[in-house]
Structures are given as structure tokens and as C-alpha cells.
Amino acid sequence: MFTIKNNVSKSIILDLEPQQITIQKEEIDSVIGYKNAEHHFSNIVNEILSLLTDKINPRAGYVIIDNINFPDKKSIQLNDTIFQTGPIVTSQLKNAELMFVFLATIGDKIEKWIEELRKEGELAYSYIADIIASAAAEKTADFIHDYITREMEKNNMGVSNRYSPGYCTWHVSEQHKLFSLFPKNFCGVTLKESALMVPIKSISGIIAAGNKVKWKDYLCDTCNVKDCTYRIKNKQKSNS
């Protein structure tokens, strides 16, 4: 189960149990270039996965915005803040009646451990631990996404894909605008001037909901961001 920390002013924070973040070895094998086979990193992957629950503190939350406008085909306005989301994101979210501005994190414990591994010269361990930490952050974002989906189903509303600054031509610098919509220190995450989140293994973005909103495949064929998480996920699905 998870614990709801607060539920006021259209915002909510969920404290998850680490055991709720489950990652299969095959998912990591795919990222590092192996498929359905044992390999020389297998023991390391298994060991780090077995330690994962002691290394993460998953937390996620959102703020609901119902004051939504679309000034043009490349931007979205939430309250008084205009985001230059680009044509892909804007087109996918144009039917929004509600916008969930979300934040998900696994805390900083694992990144401190990864840094210790690097300093000790355990480069293979630190490399794979970093991949697993990124996967855990995505799973935490999946959790809040699924939670929003279930809540909206109660109101007969559909939910969109999630989109984050830095993807689909939405510039990462707009993290600052996004964070202006959160209460201070929301989910224990802060933002550097460079738009880097602290803890690093955190994900922020927006999710639309509405009667005419539907989840759609990510438009990877029209986007030139080659290392996008969602492009990698789509590739993994096609190879499975």
C-alpha cells in the first residue's frame, strides 16, 4: 500500500513502499543490449535488483490544473503560465479538461550509493546501478500515472500519455515553469538553475484527462530525440 501525505488544494503526494517498485531482470538486460539470455553482467544485475528496496524511497504526487488554454498549436497555458510544448505535445493534449502536473522520485539514497561505487572503482556495478535507478524512477512515474488513470476512470475520463520537458522538442529549461506550479519542496524535489532535478532520479511532466482524451502511442517517428525514454520503450516492445 501507499500513504497519502496530503490531499488539499487539488494536490496529492503518495509515499510508496519500495516493494511496490518492481523491475524484471529482462527489462535491464534489454537496456544494456542483451535479450533473453544470461550474460557476464547477469550476476551484477541480479545482485543490484535484490538490494533495490533498501536503496530507494519512492514518492510521487501531482497538482491538478483546470484552467487550461491553447494559445496556438505549439503551446499550452496552465493558469497564467504558458509552456512552449511544441506541436507534438500540444496536439496530443489538446482535448484536456484537467491537467495533472506530476512529480515522481526515488530519493537520493541510491545516487549516493552509485557515487560510492564509482569512487571504489566498481564501474560495472555503478553503471548498472544507474540504469536500474533510472528504471525505478520510471516505474514510480508509472505508478502515479496508473493512479491518475484509475481516479479518472471513476469520472468516465480518459488519460493521456505523460510528457516531460526535454522530450518531443519541449525544451528542458521549462522545468522552471513546471516547478512554479508545485508547492515548495514538493515530494522533496528541488530544481537547480540548470533545470536539473535534485534528487537526480526524478521525473516531472504533465498528463491530460478528459472525456475526449485517449492514450496514444508516442509519435517517435515524428520526433528527432534519439535517446528518449519512450522511444526506448517502444523499441523494447517491438523487439519482445
C-alpha atoms as a PDB file:
ATOM      1  CA  MET A   1       0.000   0.000   0.000  1.00  0.00           C
ATOM      2  CA  PHE A   2       0.936   3.647  -0.194  1.00  0.00           C
ATOM      3  CA  THR A   3       0.331   6.538   2.167  1.00  0.00           C
ATOM      4  CA  ILE A   4      -1.407   9.757   1.090  1.00  0.00           C
ATOM      5  CA  LYS A   5       0.549  12.576   2.725  1.00  0.00           C
ATOM      6  CA  ASN A   6      -1.749  15.427   1.765  1.00  0.00           C
ATOM      7  CA  ASN A   7      -4.831  15.956  -0.323  1.00  0.00           C
ATOM      8  CA  VAL A   8      -5.631  19.658  -0.306  1.00  0.00           C
ATOM      9  CA  SER A   9      -5.785  22.448  -2.895  1.00  0.00           C
ATOM     10  CA  LYS A  10      -6.012  19.956  -5.760  1.00  0.00           C
ATOM     11  CA  SER A  11      -2.664  18.366  -4.897  1.00  0.00           C
ATOM     12  CA  ILE A  12      -1.684  14.977  -3.543  1.00  0.00           C
ATOM     13  CA  ILE A  13       1.513  13.203  -2.508  1.00  0.00           C
ATOM     14  CA  LEU A  14       1.823   9.420  -2.312  1.00  0.00           C
ATOM     15  CA  ASP A  15       4.538   7.770  -0.239  1.00  0.00           C
ATOM     16  CA  LEU A  16       5.085   4.347  -1.799  1.00  0.00           C
ATOM     17  CA  GLU A  17       6.554   1.227  -0.274  1.00  0.00           C
ATOM     18  CA  PRO A  18       9.846   0.320  -2.007  1.00  0.00           C
ATOM     19  CA  GLN A  19       8.431  -3.157  -2.661  1.00  0.00           C
ATOM     20  CA  GLN A  20       5.831  -1.590  -4.940  1.00  0.00           C
ATOM     21  CA  ILE A  21       8.558  -0.704  -7.438  1.00  0.00           C
ATOM     22  CA  THR A  22       9.263  -3.963  -9.237  1.00  0.00           C
ATOM     23  CA  ILE A  23      11.737  -4.348 -12.077  1.00  0.00           C
ATOM     24  CA  GLN A  24      12.364  -7.529 -14.023  1.00  0.00           C
ATOM     25  CA  LYS A  25      15.892  -8.545 -14.970  1.00  0.00           C
ATOM     26  CA  GLU A  26      14.781  -8.809 -18.609  1.00  0.00           C
ATOM     27  CA  GLU A  27      13.946  -5.103 -18.645  1.00  0.00           C
ATOM     28  CA  ILE A  28      17.501  -4.209 -17.633  1.00  0.00           C
ATOM     29  CA  ASP A  29      19.010  -6.781 -19.993  1.00  0.00           C
ATOM     30  CA  SER A  30      17.203  -5.070 -22.864  1.00  0.00           C
ATOM     31  CA  VAL A  31      18.589  -1.647 -21.957  1.00  0.00           C
ATOM     32  CA  ILE A  32      22.193  -2.877 -21.769  1.00  0.00           C
ATOM     33  CA  GLY A  33      21.860  -4.792 -25.031  1.00  0.00           C
ATOM     34  CA  TYR A  34      21.036  -8.373 -24.094  1.00  0.00           C
ATOM     35  CA  LYS A  35      17.875 -10.309 -24.843  1.00  0.00           C
ATOM     36  CA  ASN A  36      16.501 -13.324 -23.020  1.00  0.00           C
ATOM     37  CA  ALA A  37      19.895 -14.767 -22.130  1.00  0.00           C
ATOM     38  CA  GLU A  38      22.388 -14.986 -19.304  1.00  0.00           C
ATOM     39  CA  HIS A  39      25.423 -12.790 -19.809  1.00  0.00           C
ATOM     40  CA  HIS A  40      28.528 -11.675 -17.934  1.00  0.00           C
ATOM     41  CA  PHE A  41      26.595  -8.865 -16.198  1.00  0.00           C
ATOM     42  CA  SER A  42      23.756 -11.141 -15.063  1.00  0.00           C
ATOM     43  CA  ASN A  43      25.042 -11.640 -11.526  1.00  0.00           C
ATOM     44  CA  ILE A  44      25.547  -7.896 -11.086  1.00  0.00           C
ATOM     45  CA  VAL A  45      22.040  -7.124 -12.350  1.00  0.00           C
ATOM     46  CA  ASN A  46      20.509  -9.724 -10.033  1.00  0.00           C
ATOM     47  CA  GLU A  47      22.501  -8.511  -7.043  1.00  0.00           C
ATOM     48  CA  ILE A  48      21.560  -4.857  -7.516  1.00  0.00           C
ATOM     49  CA  LEU A  49      17.902  -5.733  -8.064  1.00  0.00           C
ATOM     50  CA  SER A  50      17.958  -7.703  -4.795  1.00  0.00           C
ATOM     51  CA  LEU A  51      19.276  -4.614  -2.976  1.00  0.00           C
ATOM     52  CA  LEU A  52      16.926  -2.138  -4.628  1.00  0.00           C
ATOM     53  CA  THR A  53      14.268  -1.937  -1.906  1.00  0.00           C
ATOM     54  CA  ASP A  54      16.928  -0.816   0.589  1.00  0.00           C
ATOM     55  CA  LYS A  55      18.217   1.898  -1.749  1.00  0.00           C
ATOM     56  CA  ILE A  56      15.073   3.758  -2.812  1.00  0.00           C
ATOM     57  CA  ASN A  57      12.403   5.919  -1.198  1.00  0.00           C
ATOM     58  CA  PRO A  58       9.750   6.225  -3.925  1.00  0.00           C
ATOM     59  CA  ARG A  59       7.416   9.185  -3.738  1.00  0.00           C
ATOM     60  CA  ALA A  60       5.085  10.752  -6.266  1.00  0.00           C
ATOM     61  CA  GLY A  61       2.470  13.462  -6.449  1.00  0.00           C
ATOM     62  CA  TYR A  62       0.566  15.857  -8.625  1.00  0.00           C
ATOM     63  CA  VAL A  63      -1.171  19.187  -8.794  1.00  0.00           C
ATOM     64  CA  ILE A  64      -4.437  19.413 -10.748  1.00  0.00           C
ATOM     65  CA  ILE A  65      -4.911  22.379 -13.092  1.00  0.00           C
ATOM     66  CA  ASP A  66      -8.343  23.049 -14.584  1.00  0.00           C
ATOM     67  CA  ASN A  67      -7.579  26.478 -16.062  1.00  0.00           C
ATOM     68  CA  ILE A  68      -6.222  25.311 -19.425  1.00  0.00           C
ATOM     69  CA  ASN A  69      -5.864  27.158 -22.717  1.00  0.00           C
ATOM     70  CA  PHE A  70      -4.136  26.503 -26.026  1.00  0.00           C
ATOM     71  CA  PRO A  71      -2.886  29.853 -27.391  1.00  0.00           C
ATOM     72  CA  ASP A  72      -1.619  28.189 -30.566  1.00  0.00           C
ATOM     73  CA  LYS A  73      -0.594  24.799 -31.957  1.00  0.00           C
ATOM     74  CA  LYS A  74       2.760  24.860 -30.161  1.00  0.00           C
ATOM     75  CA  SER A  75       1.864  25.969 -26.644  1.00  0.00           C
ATOM     76  CA  ILE A  76      -0.270  25.176 -23.609  1.00  0.00           C
ATOM     77  CA  GLN A  77      -1.323  27.651 -20.933  1.00  0.00           C
ATOM     78  CA  LEU A  78      -1.868  26.384 -17.381  1.00  0.00           C
ATOM     79  CA  ASN A  79      -3.270  29.130 -15.158  1.00  0.00           C
ATOM     80  CA  ASP A  80      -1.083  32.138 -16.046  1.00  0.00           C
ATOM     81  CA  THR A  81       1.905  30.088 -17.224  1.00  0.00           C
ATOM     82  CA  ILE A  82       2.449  29.464 -20.939  1.00  0.00           C
ATOM     83  CA  PHE A  83       4.515  26.430 -21.902  1.00  0.00           C
ATOM     84  CA  GLN A  84       6.150  26.188 -25.325  1.00  0.00           C
ATOM     85  CA  THR A  85       5.488  22.462 -25.524  1.00  0.00           C
ATOM     86  CA  GLY A  86       5.878  22.181 -29.284  1.00  0.00           C
ATOM     87  CA  PRO A  87       3.462  20.747 -31.857  1.00  0.00           C
ATOM     88  CA  ILE A  88       3.714  17.076 -30.840  1.00  0.00           C
ATOM     89  CA  VAL A  89       2.860  17.505 -27.157  1.00  0.00           C
ATOM     90  CA  THR A  90       0.260  20.192 -27.818  1.00  0.00           C
ATOM     91  CA  SER A  91      -1.571  18.079 -30.390  1.00  0.00           C
ATOM     92  CA  GLN A  92      -1.659  15.082 -28.063  1.00  0.00           C
ATOM     93  CA  LEU A  93      -3.086  17.053 -25.124  1.00  0.00           C
ATOM     94  CA  LYS A  94      -5.433  19.476 -26.917  1.00  0.00           C
ATOM     95  CA  ASN A  95      -8.616  17.855 -25.564  1.00  0.00           C
ATOM     96  CA  ALA A  96      -7.613  18.234 -21.913  1.00  0.00           C
ATOM     97  CA  GLU A  97     -10.255  19.222 -19.384  1.00  0.00           C
ATOM     98  CA  LEU A  98      -7.852  18.677 -16.498  1.00  0.00           C
ATOM     99  CA  MET A  99      -4.068  18.711 -16.462  1.00  0.00           C
ATOM    100  CA  PHE A 100      -2.087  16.761 -13.886  1.00  0.00           C
ATOM    101  CA  VAL A 101       1.325  18.312 -13.284  1.00  0.00           C
ATOM    102  CA  PHE A 102       3.196  15.396 -11.718  1.00  0.00           C
ATOM    103  CA  LEU A 103       6.451  14.666  -9.969  1.00  0.00           C
ATOM    104  CA  ALA A 104       7.979  11.273  -9.148  1.00  0.00           C
ATOM    105  CA  THR A 105      11.233  10.445  -7.383  1.00  0.00           C
ATOM    106  CA  ILE A 106      13.091   7.564  -5.752  1.00  0.00           C
ATOM    107  CA  GLY A 107      15.086   9.815  -3.427  1.00  0.00           C
ATOM    108  CA  ASP A 108      18.835  10.385  -3.221  1.00  0.00           C
ATOM    109  CA  LYS A 109      19.949   7.291  -1.307  1.00  0.00           C
ATOM    110  CA  ILE A 110      20.653   5.261  -4.431  1.00  0.00           C
ATOM    111  CA  GLU A 111      22.576   8.035  -6.198  1.00  0.00           C
ATOM    112  CA  LYS A 112      24.834   8.369  -3.156  1.00  0.00           C
ATOM    113  CA  TRP A 113      25.433   4.623  -3.314  1.00  0.00           C
ATOM    114  CA  ILE A 114      26.204   4.824  -7.048  1.00  0.00           C
ATOM    115  CA  GLU A 115      28.754   7.558  -6.365  1.00  0.00           C
ATOM    116  CA  GLU A 116      30.375   5.404  -3.667  1.00  0.00           C
ATOM    117  CA  LEU A 117      30.642   2.529  -6.155  1.00  0.00           C
ATOM    118  CA  ARG A 118      32.349   4.827  -8.662  1.00  0.00           C
ATOM    119  CA  LYS A 119      34.845   6.055  -6.093  1.00  0.00           C
ATOM    120  CA  GLU A 120      35.624   2.455  -5.160  1.00  0.00           C
ATOM    121  CA  GLY A 121      36.344   1.661  -8.805  1.00  0.00           C
ATOM    122  CA  GLU A 122      33.292  -0.582  -9.197  1.00  0.00           C
ATOM    123  CA  LEU A 123      32.476   0.872 -12.595  1.00  0.00           C
ATOM    124  CA  ALA A 124      30.360  -2.024 -13.879  1.00  0.00           C
ATOM    125  CA  TYR A 125      28.307  -2.007 -10.689  1.00  0.00           C
ATOM    126  CA  SER A 126      27.840   1.775 -10.758  1.00  0.00           C
ATOM    127  CA  TYR A 127      26.888   1.711 -14.456  1.00  0.00           C
ATOM    128  CA  ILE A 128      24.233  -0.969 -13.997  1.00  0.00           C
ATOM    129  CA  ALA A 129      23.014   0.535 -10.710  1.00  0.00           C
ATOM    130  CA  ASP A 130      22.470   3.819 -12.549  1.00  0.00           C
ATOM    131  CA  ILE A 131      20.421   2.063 -15.246  1.00  0.00           C
ATOM    132  CA  ILE A 132      18.346   0.295 -12.609  1.00  0.00           C
ATOM    133  CA  ALA A 133      17.841   3.556 -10.703  1.00  0.00           C
ATOM    134  CA  SER A 134      16.535   5.216 -13.876  1.00  0.00           C
ATOM    135  CA  ALA A 135      14.180   2.280 -14.410  1.00  0.00           C
ATOM    136  CA  ALA A 136      12.959   2.595 -10.807  1.00  0.00           C
ATOM    137  CA  ALA A 137      12.231   6.284 -11.331  1.00  0.00           C
ATOM    138  CA  GLU A 138      10.213   5.424 -14.459  1.00  0.00           C
ATOM    139  CA  LYS A 139       8.298   2.778 -12.516  1.00  0.00           C
ATOM    140  CA  THR A 140       7.477   5.380  -9.880  1.00  0.00           C
ATOM    141  CA  ALA A 141       6.185   7.681 -12.621  1.00  0.00           C
ATOM    142  CA  ASP A 142       4.209   4.699 -13.976  1.00  0.00           C
ATOM    143  CA  PHE A 143       2.659   4.293 -10.531  1.00  0.00           C
ATOM    144  CA  ILE A 144       1.355   7.851 -10.315  1.00  0.00           C
ATOM    145  CA  HIS A 145       0.236   7.664 -13.965  1.00  0.00           C
ATOM    146  CA  ASP A 146      -1.753   4.495 -13.227  1.00  0.00           C
ATOM    147  CA  TYR A 147      -3.174   6.066 -10.062  1.00  0.00           C
ATOM    148  CA  ILE A 148      -4.404   9.089 -12.037  1.00  0.00           C
ATOM    149  CA  THR A 149      -5.865   6.775 -14.682  1.00  0.00           C
ATOM    150  CA  ARG A 150      -7.868   4.842 -12.085  1.00  0.00           C
ATOM    151  CA  GLU A 151      -9.121   8.031 -10.440  1.00  0.00           C
ATOM    152  CA  MET A 152     -10.236   9.488 -13.769  1.00  0.00           C
ATOM    153  CA  GLU A 153     -11.979   6.281 -14.789  1.00  0.00           C
ATOM    154  CA  LYS A 154     -14.334   6.921 -11.859  1.00  0.00           C
ATOM    155  CA  ASN A 155     -15.391  10.088 -13.696  1.00  0.00           C
ATOM    156  CA  ASN A 156     -15.522   8.407 -17.111  1.00  0.00           C
ATOM    157  CA  MET A 157     -12.497  10.391 -18.259  1.00  0.00           C
ATOM    158  CA  GLY A 158      -9.620   9.167 -20.365  1.00  0.00           C
ATOM    159  CA  VAL A 159      -5.980   9.888 -19.578  1.00  0.00           C
ATOM    160  CA  SER A 160      -3.169  10.770 -21.976  1.00  0.00           C
ATOM    161  CA  ASN A 161       0.443   9.724 -22.215  1.00  0.00           C
ATOM    162  CA  ARG A 162       2.780  11.664 -19.984  1.00  0.00           C
ATOM    163  CA  TYR A 163       5.162  14.262 -21.358  1.00  0.00           C
ATOM    164  CA  SER A 164       8.179  15.892 -19.738  1.00  0.00           C
ATOM    165  CA  PRO A 165      10.334  18.916 -20.541  1.00  0.00           C
ATOM    166  CA  GLY A 166      13.258  17.721 -22.637  1.00  0.00           C
ATOM    167  CA  TYR A 167      11.209  15.414 -24.868  1.00  0.00           C
ATOM    168  CA  CYS A 168       9.361  15.925 -28.158  1.00  0.00           C
ATOM    169  CA  THR A 169      11.006  19.371 -28.728  1.00  0.00           C
ATOM    170  CA  TRP A 170       9.694  20.650 -25.370  1.00  0.00           C
ATOM    171  CA  HIS A 171      12.797  22.421 -24.048  1.00  0.00           C
ATOM    172  CA  VAL A 172      14.145  21.199 -20.713  1.00  0.00           C
ATOM    173  CA  SER A 173      14.527  24.789 -19.458  1.00  0.00           C
ATOM    174  CA  GLU A 174      10.749  24.885 -18.990  1.00  0.00           C
ATOM    175  CA  GLN A 175      11.201  22.721 -15.923  1.00  0.00           C
ATOM    176  CA  HIS A 176      11.385  26.053 -14.099  1.00  0.00           C
ATOM    177  CA  LYS A 177       7.877  26.956 -15.251  1.00  0.00           C
ATOM    178  CA  LEU A 178       6.643  23.496 -14.330  1.00  0.00           C
ATOM    179  CA  PHE A 179       8.096  23.693 -10.821  1.00  0.00           C
ATOM    180  CA  SER A 180       6.443  27.074 -10.291  1.00  0.00           C
ATOM    181  CA  LEU A 181       3.133  25.172 -10.209  1.00  0.00           C
ATOM    182  CA  PHE A 182       4.233  22.915  -7.333  1.00  0.00           C
ATOM    183  CA  PRO A 183       4.213  23.810  -3.648  1.00  0.00           C
ATOM    184  CA  LYS A 184       7.740  24.445  -2.357  1.00  0.00           C
ATOM    185  CA  ASN A 185       9.882  21.292  -1.981  1.00  0.00           C
ATOM    186  CA  PHE A 186       7.068  19.167  -3.440  1.00  0.00           C
ATOM    187  CA  CYS A 187       7.857  15.447  -2.967  1.00  0.00           C
ATOM    188  CA  GLY A 188      11.235  16.527  -1.585  1.00  0.00           C
ATOM    189  CA  VAL A 189      12.490  17.514  -5.043  1.00  0.00           C
ATOM    190  CA  THR A 190      14.154  20.820  -5.904  1.00  0.00           C
ATOM    191  CA  LEU A 191      15.416  22.296  -9.158  1.00  0.00           C
ATOM    192  CA  LYS A 192      18.842  23.686  -9.978  1.00  0.00           C
ATOM    193  CA  GLU A 193      19.375  26.734 -12.215  1.00  0.00           C
ATOM    194  CA  SER A 194      20.429  24.295 -14.968  1.00  0.00           C
ATOM    195  CA  ALA A 195      16.939  22.673 -14.725  1.00  0.00           C
ATOM    196  CA  LEU A 196      18.479  19.518 -13.215  1.00  0.00           C
ATOM    197  CA  MET A 197      16.277  17.993 -10.561  1.00  0.00           C
ATOM    198  CA  VAL A 198      17.608  17.029  -7.136  1.00  0.00           C
ATOM    199  CA  PRO A 199      17.421  14.108  -6.429  1.00  0.00           C
ATOM    200  CA  ILE A 200      18.551  13.315  -9.958  1.00  0.00           C
ATOM    201  CA  LYS A 201      16.414  10.196 -10.322  1.00  0.00           C
ATOM    202  CA  SER A 202      13.205  12.183 -10.521  1.00  0.00           C
ATOM    203  CA  ILE A 203      10.673  12.689 -13.303  1.00  0.00           C
ATOM    204  CA  SER A 204       8.298  15.590 -13.813  1.00  0.00           C
ATOM    205  CA  GLY A 205       5.767  16.333 -16.503  1.00  0.00           C
ATOM    206  CA  ILE A 206       2.132  16.689 -17.443  1.00  0.00           C
ATOM    207  CA  ILE A 207      -0.746  14.285 -18.039  1.00  0.00           C
ATOM    208  CA  ALA A 208      -4.072  15.310 -19.571  1.00  0.00           C
ATOM    209  CA  ALA A 209      -7.503  13.992 -18.655  1.00  0.00           C
ATOM    210  CA  GLY A 210     -10.881  14.496 -20.266  1.00  0.00           C
ATOM    211  CA  ASN A 211     -13.860  12.866 -21.919  1.00  0.00           C
ATOM    212  CA  LYS A 212     -12.162  13.074 -25.317  1.00  0.00           C
ATOM    213  CA  VAL A 213      -8.639  12.308 -24.110  1.00  0.00           C
ATOM    214  CA  LYS A 214      -7.083   8.977 -25.071  1.00  0.00           C
ATOM    215  CA  TRP A 215      -3.750   7.277 -24.535  1.00  0.00           C
ATOM    216  CA  LYS A 216      -1.894   7.037 -27.859  1.00  0.00           C
ATOM    217  CA  ASP A 217       1.387   5.537 -28.958  1.00  0.00           C
ATOM    218  CA  TYR A 218       4.249   8.006 -28.658  1.00  0.00           C
ATOM    219  CA  LEU A 219       4.930   9.644 -32.026  1.00  0.00           C
ATOM    220  CA  CYS A 220       8.558   8.528 -32.182  1.00  0.00           C
ATOM    221  CA  ASP A 221       8.608   8.617 -35.983  1.00  0.00           C
ATOM    222  CA  THR A 222       7.998  12.376 -35.937  1.00  0.00           C
ATOM    223  CA  CYS A 223      10.408  13.220 -33.109  1.00  0.00           C
ATOM    224  CA  ASN A 224      14.185  13.606 -33.503  1.00  0.00           C
ATOM    225  CA  VAL A 225      15.144  12.924 -29.869  1.00  0.00           C
ATOM    226  CA  LYS A 226      17.051   9.644 -30.232  1.00  0.00           C
ATOM    227  CA  ASP A 227      17.657   8.786 -26.551  1.00  0.00           C
ATOM    228  CA  CYS A 228      14.102   9.456 -25.344  1.00  0.00           C
ATOM    229  CA  THR A 229      12.844   7.027 -22.693  1.00  0.00           C
ATOM    230  CA  TYR A 230       9.634   6.446 -24.618  1.00  0.00           C
ATOM    231  CA  ARG A 231      11.477   5.715 -27.874  1.00  0.00           C
ATOM    232  CA  ILE A 232      13.469   3.075 -25.975  1.00  0.00           C
ATOM    233  CA  LYS A 233      10.273   1.621 -24.506  1.00  0.00           C
ATOM    234  CA  ASN A 234       8.632   1.411 -27.925  1.00  0.00           C
ATOM    235  CA  LYS A 235      11.719  -0.334 -29.300  1.00  0.00           C
ATOM    236  CA  GLN A 236      11.667  -2.809 -26.437  1.00  0.00           C
ATOM    237  CA  LYS A 237       8.002  -3.597 -27.129  1.00  0.00           C
ATOM    238  CA  SER A 238       8.683  -4.162 -30.822  1.00  0.00           C
ATOM    239  CA  ASN A 239      11.587  -6.491 -30.011  1.00  0.00           C
ATOM    240  CA  SER A 240       9.702  -8.506 -27.410  1.00  0.00           C
END
